[in-house]
Amino acid sequence: MVNKEKNDEINTAKAIPWVILIFLIIFMFYLWPNAEDSNTATKVSSESSETIAAETEPAVSEKIERAEILDLLNYRSEPNDAKASIIGTVNKSESYKIIERQEKWLKIEKEDGTSGYITTDPNYVKIVSE
């Protein structure tokens, strides 16, 4: 009967290594930084170094696009026919620097520095690269 009581008792000397092993497994799978986090950090640092390089190097190969107006055209405050207010018009044979391209709209800049939107319809606008 004495032997059975000894078997029922927990032997702490044998249990401690198992507890440590379980803790290490939990730590490795749940608390250890995963590979995606390290890839994200690497990606962010490489993007920031590319941005710095791009900002310090002169942009020699950038092509400037211009919108050549083929017919009288409304010049709008927003890229939207129905909601945008008409700022004015642009005349046939004029050319403007394109700042931004959207699906059906071009944001252009006038000589006085104002900007607005015109359609990309090829009946009214021809896009040329300089």
Protein backbone atom coordinates (compact mmCIF):
# COMPACT_ATOMS: atom_id res chain seq x y z
CA MET A 1 0.00 0.00 0.00
CA VAL A 2 2.88 2.35 0.67
CA ASN A 3 4.14 1.93 -2.92
CA LYS A 4 0.78 2.95 -4.35
CA GLU A 5 0.81 6.21 -2.39
CA LYS A 6 4.23 7.06 -3.79
CA ASN A 7 3.01 6.49 -7.35
CA ASP A 8 0.01 8.79 -6.79
CA GLU A 9 2.20 11.68 -5.69
CA ILE A 10 3.53 14.05 -8.35
CA ASN A 11 7.25 13.90 -8.63
CA THR A 12 8.18 17.57 -9.07
CA ALA A 13 11.68 16.73 -10.21
CA LYS A 14 10.22 14.90 -13.22
CA ALA A 15 7.39 17.45 -13.85
CA ILE A 16 9.51 20.62 -14.06
CA PRO A 17 11.24 19.74 -17.36
CA TRP A 18 7.83 18.96 -18.91
CA VAL A 19 6.39 22.28 -17.74
CA ILE A 20 9.41 24.12 -19.19
CA LEU A 21 9.05 22.24 -22.48
CA ILE A 22 5.36 23.13 -22.75
CA PHE A 23 6.14 26.78 -21.98
CA LEU A 24 8.81 26.88 -24.70
CA ILE A 25 6.43 25.36 -27.26
CA ILE A 26 3.75 27.91 -26.43
CA PHE A 27 6.31 30.72 -26.60
CA MET A 28 7.62 29.58 -29.99
CA PHE A 29 4.21 29.28 -31.65
CA TYR A 30 2.29 32.14 -30.10
CA LEU A 31 4.69 34.74 -28.80
CA TRP A 32 7.67 34.47 -31.12
CA PRO A 33 7.59 37.04 -33.96
CA ASN A 34 6.46 35.28 -37.10
CA ALA A 35 8.15 35.42 -40.50
CA GLU A 36 5.50 37.75 -41.96
CA ASP A 37 6.34 40.42 -39.39
CA SER A 38 10.03 40.27 -40.22
CA ASN A 39 9.29 40.37 -43.97
CA THR A 40 7.10 43.42 -43.43
CA ALA A 41 9.87 45.17 -41.53
CA THR A 42 12.35 44.33 -44.28
CA LYS A 43 9.91 45.50 -46.95
CA VAL A 44 9.27 48.80 -45.14
CA SER A 45 12.97 49.50 -44.70
CA SER A 46 13.72 48.75 -48.36
CA GLU A 47 10.82 50.96 -49.48
CA SER A 48 12.02 53.82 -47.32
CA SER A 49 15.55 53.54 -48.72
CA GLU A 50 14.14 53.52 -52.26
CA THR A 51 12.11 56.62 -51.45
CA ILE A 52 15.19 58.38 -50.14
CA ALA A 53 17.14 57.39 -53.25
CA ALA A 54 14.31 58.57 -55.50
CA GLU A 55 14.12 61.91 -53.70
CA THR A 56 17.84 62.59 -53.92
CA GLU A 57 18.35 61.59 -57.55
CA PRO A 58 17.19 64.00 -60.24
CA ALA A 59 14.25 62.76 -62.29
CA VAL A 60 15.80 62.75 -65.74
CA SER A 61 13.69 60.06 -67.39
CA GLU A 62 10.25 61.32 -66.29
CA LYS A 63 8.05 62.07 -69.25
CA ILE A 64 5.72 65.00 -68.98
CA GLU A 65 2.32 64.39 -70.47
CA ARG A 66 0.28 67.20 -71.94
CA ALA A 67 -3.35 67.42 -72.97
CA GLU A 68 -3.84 69.03 -76.35
CA ILE A 69 -7.37 70.37 -76.63
CA LEU A 70 -9.11 69.45 -79.91
CA ASP A 71 -12.39 71.31 -79.33
CA LEU A 72 -13.93 73.74 -76.83
CA LEU A 73 -14.16 71.92 -73.50
CA ASN A 74 -15.55 72.55 -69.99
CA TYR A 75 -13.03 72.76 -67.18
CA ARG A 76 -14.42 71.37 -63.87
CA SER A 77 -13.64 71.56 -60.16
CA GLU A 78 -14.09 67.79 -59.63
CA PRO A 79 -13.92 64.67 -61.80
CA ASN A 80 -17.70 64.39 -62.10
CA ASP A 81 -20.12 65.57 -64.79
CA ALA A 82 -23.23 65.89 -62.66
CA LYS A 83 -21.91 67.27 -59.35
CA ALA A 84 -18.84 69.27 -60.35
CA SER A 85 -19.10 72.96 -60.99
CA ILE A 86 -17.74 74.32 -64.25
CA ILE A 87 -14.76 76.58 -63.57
CA GLY A 88 -14.49 77.71 -67.15
CA THR A 89 -13.58 76.45 -70.59
CA VAL A 90 -10.39 75.49 -72.39
CA ASN A 91 -10.04 76.39 -76.02
CA LYS A 92 -9.13 74.42 -79.11
CA SER A 93 -5.37 74.20 -79.87
CA GLU A 94 -4.34 74.93 -76.26
CA SER A 95 -2.06 72.53 -74.37
CA TYR A 96 -1.94 71.84 -70.62
CA LYS A 97 0.29 69.83 -68.29
CA ILE A 98 -1.42 66.67 -66.98
CA ILE A 99 -1.05 66.38 -63.20
CA GLU A 100 -3.13 63.26 -62.62
CA ARG A 101 -4.98 60.62 -64.62
CA GLN A 102 -8.22 59.02 -63.53
CA GLU A 103 -10.52 56.62 -65.37
CA LYS A 104 -12.42 59.18 -67.46
CA TRP A 105 -10.75 62.38 -66.28
CA LEU A 106 -7.50 64.29 -66.51
CA LYS A 107 -6.43 66.77 -63.88
CA ILE A 108 -4.63 69.54 -65.70
CA GLU A 109 -2.77 72.65 -64.63
CA LYS A 110 -3.22 75.99 -66.34
CA GLU A 111 -0.47 78.57 -66.82
CA ASP A 112 -1.76 80.62 -63.86
CA GLY A 113 -1.31 77.59 -61.54
CA THR A 114 -4.99 76.67 -61.18
CA SER A 115 -5.95 73.07 -61.69
CA GLY A 116 -9.14 71.31 -62.69
CA TYR A 117 -10.56 68.34 -64.54
CA ILE A 118 -11.33 67.67 -68.20
CA THR A 119 -12.61 64.59 -69.95
CA THR A 120 -10.34 61.98 -71.56
CA ASP A 121 -12.73 61.69 -74.55
CA PRO A 122 -10.50 61.42 -77.67
CA ASN A 123 -12.94 63.63 -79.58
CA TYR A 124 -11.93 66.53 -77.32
CA VAL A 125 -8.43 65.74 -76.01
CA LYS A 126 -5.22 64.26 -77.39
CA ILE A 127 -2.62 63.12 -74.85
CA VAL A 128 1.00 63.65 -75.89
CA SER A 129 4.29 62.92 -74.11
CA GLU A 130 7.17 65.36 -74.11
